[in-house]
PDB file of N, CA and C in Angstrom:
ATOM      1  N   UNK A   1     182.304 130.115  30.965  1.00  0.00           N
ATOM      2  CA  UNK A   1     181.442 129.350  30.594  1.00  0.00           C
ATOM      3  C   UNK A   1     182.345 128.071  30.337  1.00  0.00           C
ATOM      4  N   UNK A   2     183.608 128.313  30.081  1.00  0.00           N
ATOM      5  CA  UNK A   2     184.366 127.073  30.284  1.00  0.00           C
ATOM      6  C   UNK A   2     185.111 127.136  31.988  1.00  0.00           C
ATOM      7  N   UNK A   3     184.887 127.680  32.597  1.00  0.00           N
ATOM      8  CA  UNK A   3     185.086 127.439  34.426  1.00  0.00           C
ATOM      9  C   UNK A   3     184.116 126.522  34.541  1.00  0.00           C
ATOM     10  N   UNK A   4     182.239 126.698  34.088  1.00  0.00           N
ATOM     11  CA  UNK A   4     181.679 125.537  33.996  1.00  0.00           C
ATOM     12  C   UNK A   4     182.162 124.310  33.456  1.00  0.00           C
ATOM     13  N   UNK A   5     182.389 124.310  32.531  1.00  0.00           N
ATOM     14  CA  UNK A   5     182.931 123.199  32.013  1.00  0.00           C
ATOM     15  C   UNK A   5     184.087 122.205  32.574  1.00  0.00           C
ATOM     16  N   UNK A   6     184.862 123.247  32.939  1.00  0.00           N
ATOM     17  CA  UNK A   6     186.121 122.652  33.519  1.00  0.00           C
ATOM     18  C   UNK A   6     185.382 121.648  34.647  1.00  0.00           C
ATOM     19  N   UNK A   7     184.932 122.663  35.682  1.00  0.00           N
ATOM     20  CA  UNK A   7     183.862 121.866  37.084  1.00  0.00           C
ATOM     21  C   UNK A   7     182.830 120.982  37.104  1.00  0.00           C
ATOM     22  N   UNK A   8     182.205 121.510  35.901  1.00  0.00           N
ATOM     23  CA  UNK A   8     180.754 120.382  36.106  1.00  0.00           C
ATOM     24  C   UNK A   8     181.090 119.101  34.734  1.00  0.00           C
ATOM     25  N   UNK A   9     182.178 119.512  33.769  1.00  0.00           N
ATOM     26  CA  UNK A   9     182.535 118.221  32.901  1.00  0.00           C
ATOM     27  C   UNK A   9     180.941 119.016  31.580  1.00  0.00           C
ATOM     28  N   UNK A  10     181.558 118.571  30.361  1.00  0.00           N
ATOM     29  CA  UNK A  10     180.840 118.488  29.066  1.00  0.00           C
ATOM     30  C   UNK A  10     179.437 118.690  29.433  1.00  0.00           C
ATOM     31  N   UNK A  11     178.967 117.291  30.072  1.00  0.00           N
ATOM     32  CA  UNK A  11     177.497 116.845  30.681  1.00  0.00           C
ATOM     33  C   UNK A  11     176.612 117.596  31.491  1.00  0.00           C
ATOM     34  N   UNK A  12     177.366 117.936  32.332  1.00  0.00           N
ATOM     35  CA  UNK A  12     177.095 119.274  33.601  1.00  0.00           C
ATOM     36  C   UNK A  12     176.710 120.173  32.858  1.00  0.00           C
ATOM     37  N   UNK A  13     177.104 120.578  32.306  1.00  0.00           N
ATOM     38  CA  UNK A  13     177.231 122.191  31.478  1.00  0.00           C
ATOM     39  C   UNK A  13     176.794 121.861  30.112  1.00  0.00           C
ATOM     40  N   UNK A  14     175.792 121.012  29.578  1.00  0.00           N
ATOM     41  CA  UNK A  14     175.423 120.818  28.424  1.00  0.00           C
ATOM     42  C   UNK A  14     174.346 121.944  28.487  1.00  0.00           C
ATOM     43  N   UNK A  15     173.808 122.272  28.777  1.00  0.00           N
ATOM     44  CA  UNK A  15     172.751 123.561  28.888  1.00  0.00           C
ATOM     45  C   UNK A  15     173.532 125.155  28.640  1.00  0.00           C
ATOM     46  N   UNK A  16     174.335 125.460  29.422  1.00  0.00           N
ATOM     47  CA  UNK A  16     175.390 126.257  29.069  1.00  0.00           C
ATOM     48  C   UNK A  16     175.711 126.311  27.886  1.00  0.00           C
ATOM     49  N   UNK A  17     176.528 125.102  27.110  1.00  0.00           N
ATOM     50  CA  UNK A  17     177.030 125.321  25.958  1.00  0.00           C
ATOM     51  C   UNK A  17     175.875 125.861  24.661  1.00  0.00           C
ATOM     52  N   UNK A  18     174.954 125.063  25.100  1.00  0.00           N
ATOM     53  CA  UNK A  18     173.758 125.127  23.994  1.00  0.00           C
ATOM     54  C   UNK A  18     173.164 126.656  24.146  1.00  0.00           C
ATOM     55  N   UNK A  19     173.056 127.651  25.106  1.00  0.00           N
ATOM     56  CA  UNK A  19     172.819 128.898  25.043  1.00  0.00           C
ATOM     57  C   UNK A  19     174.290 129.179  24.604  1.00  0.00           C
ATOM     58  N   UNK A  20     175.215 129.128  24.622  1.00  0.00           N
ATOM     59  CA  UNK A  20     176.549 130.206  24.049  1.00  0.00           C
ATOM     60  C   UNK A  20     176.670 129.421  22.641  1.00  0.00           C
ATOM     61  N   UNK A  21     176.416 128.552  22.102  1.00  0.00           N
ATOM     62  CA  UNK A  21     175.848 128.280  21.173  1.00  0.00           C
ATOM     63  C   UNK A  21     175.047 128.897  20.037  1.00  0.00           C
ATOM     64  N   UNK A  22     173.878 129.192  20.899  1.00  0.00           N
ATOM     65  CA  UNK A  22     172.495 129.920  20.261  1.00  0.00           C
ATOM     66  C   UNK A  22     172.975 131.402  20.486  1.00  0.00           C
ATOM     67  N   UNK A  23     173.403 131.690  21.351  1.00  0.00           N
ATOM     68  CA  UNK A  23     174.208 133.510  21.437  1.00  0.00           C
ATOM     69  C   UNK A  23     175.103 133.847  19.844  1.00  0.00           C
ATOM     70  N   UNK A  24     176.025 132.598  19.427  1.00  0.00           N
ATOM     71  CA  UNK A  24     176.942 132.850  18.569  1.00  0.00           C
ATOM     72  C   UNK A  24     175.925 133.178  17.562  1.00  0.00           C
ATOM     73  N   UNK A  25     175.074 131.939  17.401  1.00  0.00           N
ATOM     74  CA  UNK A  25     174.329 132.077  15.696  1.00  0.00           C
ATOM     75  C   UNK A  25     173.653 133.240  15.745  1.00  0.00           C
ATOM     76  N   UNK A  26     172.905 134.187  16.741  1.00  0.00           N
ATOM     77  CA  UNK A  26     172.193 135.336  16.963  1.00  0.00           C
ATOM     78  C   UNK A  26     173.945 136.071  16.351  1.00  0.00           C
ATOM     79  N   UNK A  27     174.577 136.295  16.715  1.00  0.00           N
ATOM     80  CA  UNK A  27     175.545 137.360  16.476  1.00  0.00           C
ATOM     81  C   UNK A  27     176.168 137.014  15.527  1.00  0.00           C
ATOM     82  N   UNK A  28     175.879 136.131  14.523  1.00  0.00           N
ATOM     83  CA  UNK A  28     176.364 135.706  13.312  1.00  0.00           C
ATOM     84  C   UNK A  28     175.646 136.108  12.088  1.00  0.00           C
ATOM     85  N   UNK A  29     174.100 136.472  12.476  1.00  0.00           N
ATOM     86  CA  UNK A  29     172.594 137.203  12.203  1.00  0.00           C
ATOM     87  C   UNK A  29     173.179 138.752  11.941  1.00  0.00           C
ATOM     88  N   UNK A  30     172.969 138.825  13.396  1.00  0.00           N
ATOM     89  CA  UNK A  30     173.186 140.692  13.633  1.00  0.00           C
ATOM     90  C   UNK A  30     173.198 140.674  14.994  1.00  0.00           C
ATOM     91  N   UNK A  31     174.472 141.726  14.956  1.00  0.00           N
ATOM     92  CA  UNK A  31     174.867 141.823  16.707  1.00  0.00           C
ATOM     93  C   UNK A  31     174.084 142.418  17.420  1.00  0.00           C
ATOM     94  N   UNK A  32     173.084 143.243  17.115  1.00  0.00           N
ATOM     95  CA  UNK A  32     171.704 143.838  17.769  1.00  0.00           C
ATOM     96  C   UNK A  32     170.952 142.377  18.425  1.00  0.00           C
ATOM     97  N   UNK A  33     171.252 141.317  18.017  1.00  0.00           N
ATOM     98  CA  UNK A  33     170.302 140.243  18.827  1.00  0.00           C
ATOM     99  C   UNK A  33     171.283 139.470  19.760  1.00  0.00           C
ATOM    100  N   UNK A  34     171.958 139.754  20.427  1.00  0.00           N
ATOM    101  CA  UNK A  34     172.877 139.453  21.623  1.00  0.00           C
ATOM    102  C   UNK A  34     173.089 141.033  22.032  1.00  0.00           C
ATOM    103  N   UNK A  35     173.556 141.967  21.713  1.00  0.00           N
ATOM    104  CA  UNK A  35     173.975 143.256  22.110  1.00  0.00           C
ATOM    105  C   UNK A  35     172.650 144.648  21.589  1.00  0.00           C
ATOM    106  N   UNK A  36     171.614 144.255  22.494  1.00  0.00           N
ATOM    107  CA  UNK A  36     170.521 145.300  22.561  1.00  0.00           C
ATOM    108  C   UNK A  36     170.452 146.056  22.982  1.00  0.00           C
ATOM    109  N   UNK A  37     171.561 147.441  23.324  1.00  0.00           N
ATOM    110  CA  UNK A  37     172.586 148.322  23.312  1.00  0.00           C
ATOM    111  C   UNK A  37     171.857 149.376  22.242  1.00  0.00           C
ATOM    112  N   UNK A  38     171.517 149.153  20.887  1.00  0.00           N
ATOM    113  CA  UNK A  38     171.071 149.722  19.654  1.00  0.00           C
ATOM    114  C   UNK A  38     172.222 150.548  19.015  1.00  0.00           C
ATOM    115  N   UNK A  39     173.740 150.108  19.198  1.00  0.00           N
ATOM    116  CA  UNK A  39     174.852 150.699  18.622  1.00  0.00           C
ATOM    117  C   UNK A  39     174.885 150.188  17.516  1.00  0.00           C
ATOM    118  N   UNK A  40     174.213 148.935  17.068  1.00  0.00           N
ATOM    119  CA  UNK A  40     174.568 147.965  15.854  1.00  0.00           C
ATOM    120  C   UNK A  40     173.078 148.343  14.958  1.00  0.00           C
ATOM    121  N   UNK A  41     173.699 149.083  13.995  1.00  0.00           N
ATOM    122  CA  UNK A  41     172.305 149.712  13.360  1.00  0.00           C
ATOM    123  C   UNK A  41     172.441 148.800  11.639  1.00  0.00           C
ATOM    124  N   UNK A  42     173.792 147.607  11.810  1.00  0.00           N
ATOM    125  CA  UNK A  42     173.498 146.779   9.932  1.00  0.00           C
ATOM    126  C   UNK A  42     174.639 145.731  10.279  1.00  0.00           C
ATOM    127  N   UNK A  43     174.517 144.586   9.832  1.00  0.00           N
ATOM    128  CA  UNK A  43     175.253 143.490   9.594  1.00  0.00           C
ATOM    129  C   UNK A  43     175.884 143.203   8.198  1.00  0.00           C
ATOM    130  N   UNK A  44     176.549 142.373   8.074  1.00  0.00           N
ATOM    131  CA  UNK A  44     176.835 142.246   6.611  1.00  0.00           C
ATOM    132  C   UNK A  44     175.998 141.046   6.142  1.00  0.00           C
ATOM    133  N   UNK A  45     175.708 140.338   6.772  1.00  0.00           N
ATOM    134  CA  UNK A  45     174.786 139.127   6.875  1.00  0.00           C
ATOM    135  C   UNK A  45     173.310 139.774   6.449  1.00  0.00           C
ATOM    136  N   UNK A  46     173.494 140.646   6.923  1.00  0.00           N
ATOM    137  CA  UNK A  46     171.604 141.642   6.508  1.00  0.00           C
ATOM    138  C   UNK A  46     171.953 142.189   5.440  1.00  0.00           C
ATOM    139  N   UNK A  47     173.344 143.120   4.982  1.00  0.00           N
ATOM    140  CA  UNK A  47     173.124 143.778   4.019  1.00  0.00           C
ATOM    141  C   UNK A  47     173.200 142.871   2.619  1.00  0.00           C
ATOM    142  N   UNK A  48     173.875 141.551   2.662  1.00  0.00           N
ATOM    143  CA  UNK A  48     173.936 140.672   1.409  1.00  0.00           C
ATOM    144  C   UNK A  48     172.512 140.143   1.604  1.00  0.00           C
ATOM    145  N   UNK A  49     171.736 139.996   2.676  1.00  0.00           N
ATOM    146  CA  UNK A  49     170.604 139.393   2.145  1.00  0.00           C
ATOM    147  C   UNK A  49     169.259 140.655   1.413  1.00  0.00           C
ATOM    148  N   UNK A  50     169.834 141.448   1.604  1.00  0.00           N
ATOM    149  CA  UNK A  50     169.136 142.368   1.422  1.00  0.00           C
ATOM    150  C   UNK A  50     169.209 142.833   0.155  1.00  0.00           C
ATOM    151  N   UNK A  51     170.556 142.618  -0.220  1.00  0.00           N
ATOM    152  CA  UNK A  51     171.340 142.938  -1.699  1.00  0.00           C
ATOM    153  C   UNK A  51     170.570 141.684  -2.918  1.00  0.00           C
ATOM    154  N   UNK A  52     170.369 140.511  -2.037  1.00  0.00           N
ATOM    155  CA  UNK A  52     170.266 138.977  -3.365  1.00  0.00           C
ATOM    156  C   UNK A  52     168.546 139.765  -3.180  1.00  0.00           C
ATOM    157  N   UNK A  53     167.803 139.715  -2.057  1.00  0.00           N
ATOM    158  CA  UNK A  53     166.736 140.055  -2.111  1.00  0.00           C
ATOM    159  C   UNK A  53     166.071 140.910  -3.455  1.00  0.00           C
ATOM    160  N   UNK A  54     167.086 142.107  -3.109  1.00  0.00           N
ATOM    161  CA  UNK A  54     166.745 143.401  -4.878  1.00  0.00           C
ATOM    162  C   UNK A  54     166.990 142.662  -6.201  1.00  0.00           C
ATOM    163  N   UNK A  55     167.953 141.718  -5.905  1.00  0.00           N
ATOM    164  CA  UNK A  55     168.434 140.568  -7.140  1.00  0.00           C
ATOM    165  C   UNK A  55     167.132 140.325  -7.319  1.00  0.00           C
ATOM    166  N   UNK A  56     166.392 139.741  -6.615  1.00  0.00           N
ATOM    167  CA  UNK A  56     165.503 138.268  -7.195  1.00  0.00           C
ATOM    168  C   UNK A  56     164.364 138.869  -7.501  1.00  0.00           C
ATOM    169  N   UNK A  57     164.321 140.607  -6.989  1.00  0.00           N
ATOM    170  CA  UNK A  57     162.830 141.171  -7.148  1.00  0.00           C
ATOM    171  C   UNK A  57     163.373 141.733  -8.569  1.00  0.00           C
ATOM    172  N   UNK A  58     164.067 142.254  -9.020  1.00  0.00           N
ATOM    173  CA  UNK A  58     164.808 143.095 -10.397  1.00  0.00           C
ATOM    174  C   UNK A  58     164.095 141.664 -11.163  1.00  0.00           C
ATOM    175  N   UNK A  59     164.423 140.904 -11.067  1.00  0.00           N
ATOM    176  CA  UNK A  59     164.464 139.610 -11.599  1.00  0.00           C
ATOM    177  C   UNK A  59     163.077 138.967 -12.414  1.00  0.00           C
ATOM    178  N   UNK A  60     162.398 139.713 -11.133  1.00  0.00           N
ATOM    179  CA  UNK A  60     161.108 139.269 -11.953  1.00  0.00           C
ATOM    180  C   UNK A  60     160.422 138.018 -10.720  1.00  0.00           C
ATOM    181  N   UNK A  61     161.102 137.514  -9.822  1.00  0.00           N
ATOM    182  CA  UNK A  61     160.967 136.132  -8.648  1.00  0.00           C
ATOM    183  C   UNK A  61     160.670 136.459  -7.528  1.00  0.00           C
ATOM    184  N   UNK A  62     160.443 135.779  -6.700  1.00  0.00           N
ATOM    185  CA  UNK A  62     160.204 135.971  -5.128  1.00  0.00           C
ATOM    186  C   UNK A  62     161.101 135.261  -4.563  1.00  0.00           C
ATOM    187  N   UNK A  63     161.003 135.590  -3.306  1.00  0.00           N
ATOM    188  CA  UNK A  63     162.020 135.011  -2.592  1.00  0.00           C
ATOM    189  C   UNK A  63     161.082 134.301  -0.763  1.00  0.00           C
ATOM    190  N   UNK A  64     161.697 133.546  -0.644  1.00  0.00           N
ATOM    191  CA  UNK A  64     161.190 133.475   0.873  1.00  0.00           C
ATOM    192  C   UNK A  64     162.358 133.233   2.239  1.00  0.00           C
ATOM    193  N   UNK A  65     162.402 134.140   2.876  1.00  0.00           N
ATOM    194  CA  UNK A  65     163.423 134.463   3.712  1.00  0.00           C
ATOM    195  C   UNK A  65     162.839 134.306   5.042  1.00  0.00           C
ATOM    196  N   UNK A  66     163.337 133.239   5.630  1.00  0.00           N
ATOM    197  CA  UNK A  66     162.735 132.993   7.172  1.00  0.00           C
ATOM    198  C   UNK A  66     164.204 133.180   7.925  1.00  0.00           C
ATOM    199  N   UNK A  67     163.736 132.772   9.176  1.00  0.00           N
ATOM    200  CA  UNK A  67     164.808 132.785  10.715  1.00  0.00           C
ATOM    201  C   UNK A  67     163.931 132.428  11.404  1.00  0.00           C
ATOM    202  N   UNK A  68     164.336 131.471  12.231  1.00  0.00           N
ATOM    203  CA  UNK A  68     163.742 131.572  14.018  1.00  0.00           C
ATOM    204  C   UNK A  68     163.882 132.506  14.663  1.00  0.00           C
ATOM    205  N   UNK A  69     164.944 133.585  14.387  1.00  0.00           N
ATOM    206  CA  UNK A  69     164.470 134.510  15.018  1.00  0.00           C
ATOM    207  C   UNK A  69     163.693 136.119  14.611  1.00  0.00           C
ATOM    208  N   UNK A  70     162.475 136.020  15.013  1.00  0.00           N
ATOM    209  CA  UNK A  70     162.080 137.134  14.825  1.00  0.00           C
ATOM    210  C   UNK A  70     161.928 138.288  14.778  1.00  0.00           C
ATOM    211  N   UNK A  71     163.121 138.736  15.514  1.00  0.00           N
ATOM    212  CA  UNK A  71     163.552 140.282  15.561  1.00  0.00           C
ATOM    213  C   UNK A  71     164.425 140.503  14.561  1.00  0.00           C
ATOM    214  N   UNK A  72     165.309 138.928  14.033  1.00  0.00           N
ATOM    215  CA  UNK A  72     166.049 139.722  12.797  1.00  0.00           C
ATOM    216  C   UNK A  72     164.644 140.028  11.635  1.00  0.00           C
ATOM    217  N   UNK A  73     163.615 139.040  11.617  1.00  0.00           N
ATOM    218  CA  UNK A  73     162.629 139.531  10.614  1.00  0.00           C
ATOM    219  C   UNK A  73     162.380 140.900  10.990  1.00  0.00           C
ATOM    220  N   UNK A  74     162.371 141.414  11.836  1.00  0.00           N
ATOM    221  CA  UNK A  74     161.897 143.100  11.835  1.00  0.00           C
ATOM    222  C   UNK A  74     162.695 143.665  11.279  1.00  0.00           C
ATOM    223  N   UNK A  75     164.413 143.330  11.529  1.00  0.00           N
ATOM    224  CA  UNK A  75     165.061 144.248  10.943  1.00  0.00           C
ATOM    225  C   UNK A  75     165.422 143.788   9.135  1.00  0.00           C
ATOM    226  N   UNK A  76     164.879 142.834   8.487  1.00  0.00           N
ATOM    227  CA  UNK A  76     164.872 142.351   7.357  1.00  0.00           C
ATOM    228  C   UNK A  76     163.470 143.421   7.142  1.00  0.00           C
ATOM    229  N   UNK A  77     162.426 143.450   7.912  1.00  0.00           N
ATOM    230  CA  UNK A  77     161.416 143.904   7.288  1.00  0.00           C
ATOM    231  C   UNK A  77     161.530 145.431   7.089  1.00  0.00           C
ATOM    232  N   UNK A  78     161.968 146.305   8.032  1.00  0.00           N
ATOM    233  CA  UNK A  78     162.879 147.548   7.932  1.00  0.00           C
ATOM    234  C   UNK A  78     163.229 147.682   6.267  1.00  0.00           C
ATOM    235  N   UNK A  79     164.188 147.109   5.901  1.00  0.00           N
ATOM    236  CA  UNK A  79     165.110 147.267   5.515  1.00  0.00           C
ATOM    237  C   UNK A  79     164.212 147.291   3.682  1.00  0.00           C
ATOM    238  N   UNK A  80     163.682 146.242   4.179  1.00  0.00           N
ATOM    239  CA  UNK A  80     162.660 146.187   2.691  1.00  0.00           C
ATOM    240  C   UNK A  80     161.652 146.856   2.846  1.00  0.00           C
ATOM    241  N   UNK A  81     160.750 147.703   4.004  1.00  0.00           N
ATOM    242  CA  UNK A  81     160.010 149.100   3.711  1.00  0.00           C
ATOM    243  C   UNK A  81     160.902 149.802   3.311  1.00  0.00           C
ATOM    244  N   UNK A  82     162.017 149.930   3.820  1.00  0.00           N
ATOM    245  CA  UNK A  82     162.988 151.231   3.244  1.00  0.00           C
ATOM    246  C   UNK A  82     163.173 151.175   1.512  1.00  0.00           C
ATOM    247  N   UNK A  83     163.157 150.243   0.934  1.00  0.00           N
ATOM    248  CA  UNK A  83     163.396 149.957  -0.425  1.00  0.00           C
ATOM    249  C   UNK A  83     162.661 149.775  -1.439  1.00  0.00           C
ATOM    250  N   UNK A  84     161.453 150.109  -0.758  1.00  0.00           N
ATOM    251  CA  UNK A  84     159.904 149.754  -1.207  1.00  0.00           C
ATOM    252  C   UNK A  84     159.774 148.559  -1.667  1.00  0.00           C
ATOM    253  N   UNK A  85     160.305 147.632  -1.485  1.00  0.00           N
ATOM    254  CA  UNK A  85     159.975 146.025  -1.850  1.00  0.00           C
ATOM    255  C   UNK A  85     158.733 145.260  -1.310  1.00  0.00           C
ATOM    256  N   UNK A  86     157.693 145.084  -1.806  1.00  0.00           N
ATOM    257  CA  UNK A  86     156.556 144.373  -1.339  1.00  0.00           C
ATOM    258  C   UNK A  86     156.881 143.100  -0.874  1.00  0.00           C
ATOM    259  N   UNK A  87     156.388 142.429   0.473  1.00  0.00           N
ATOM    260  CA  UNK A  87     156.050 141.231   0.701  1.00  0.00           C
ATOM    261  C   UNK A  87     155.317 140.763   1.366  1.00  0.00           C
ATOM    262  N   UNK A  88     155.245 139.796   1.781  1.00  0.00           N
ATOM    263  CA  UNK A  88     153.655 139.271   2.730  1.00  0.00           C
ATOM    264  C   UNK A  88     154.956 138.893   4.060  1.00  0.00           C
ATOM    265  N   UNK A  89     153.967 139.325   4.964  1.00  0.00           N
ATOM    266  CA  UNK A  89     155.280 138.593   6.409  1.00  0.00           C
ATOM    267  C   UNK A  89     154.033 137.839   7.053  1.00  0.00           C
ATOM    268  N   UNK A  90     155.167 136.692   7.685  1.00  0.00           N
ATOM    269  CA  UNK A  90     154.681 135.935   8.886  1.00  0.00           C
ATOM    270  C   UNK A  90     155.617 135.196   9.279  1.00  0.00           C
ATOM    271  N   UNK A  91     155.011 135.760  10.824  1.00  0.00           N
ATOM    272  CA  UNK A  91     156.042 135.228  12.220  1.00  0.00           C
ATOM    273  C   UNK A  91     155.448 134.273  13.105  1.00  0.00           C
ATOM    274  N   UNK A  92     154.525 133.554  12.948  1.00  0.00           N
ATOM    275  CA  UNK A  92     153.839 132.773  13.805  1.00  0.00           C
ATOM    276  C   UNK A  92     152.893 133.500  15.181  1.00  0.00           C
ATOM    277  N   UNK A  93     152.782 135.123  15.177  1.00  0.00           N
ATOM    278  CA  UNK A  93     151.902 135.628  16.452  1.00  0.00           C
ATOM    279  C   UNK A  93     150.321 135.416  15.909  1.00  0.00           C
ATOM    280  N   UNK A  94     149.571 134.976  16.731  1.00  0.00           N
ATOM    281  CA  UNK A  94     148.438 135.216  16.448  1.00  0.00           C
ATOM    282  C   UNK A  94     147.523 136.103  16.559  1.00  0.00           C
ATOM    283  N   UNK A  95     148.164 137.317  17.153  1.00  0.00           N
ATOM    284  CA  UNK A  95     147.322 138.695  17.141  1.00  0.00           C
ATOM    285  C   UNK A  95     148.620 139.889  16.900  1.00  0.00           C
ATOM    286  N   UNK A  96     147.656 140.986  16.604  1.00  0.00           N
ATOM    287  CA  UNK A  96     148.585 141.685  16.850  1.00  0.00           C
ATOM    288  C   UNK A  96     148.939 142.781  17.579  1.00  0.00           C
TER     289      UNK A  96
END
């Protein structure tokens, strides 16, 4: 990408820069969002999120967890299922 920026300038490489930023955001949420090899089973961010969700539920509260990355929501769903935490799931799909 740096080669592209050097060659085309920032304006010419704008889409590549935005794509790189998107990948960085995904990697920060969970490595499996960018590396689909299946070798990443968890992430620190997911562990903290699930821990906080457990605390909220234990205190008798509800929480809204949202992400633009539906794959990440699938990871959260899997963790909540494993812990037996009830939830409602909405990801924008119109059909199953």
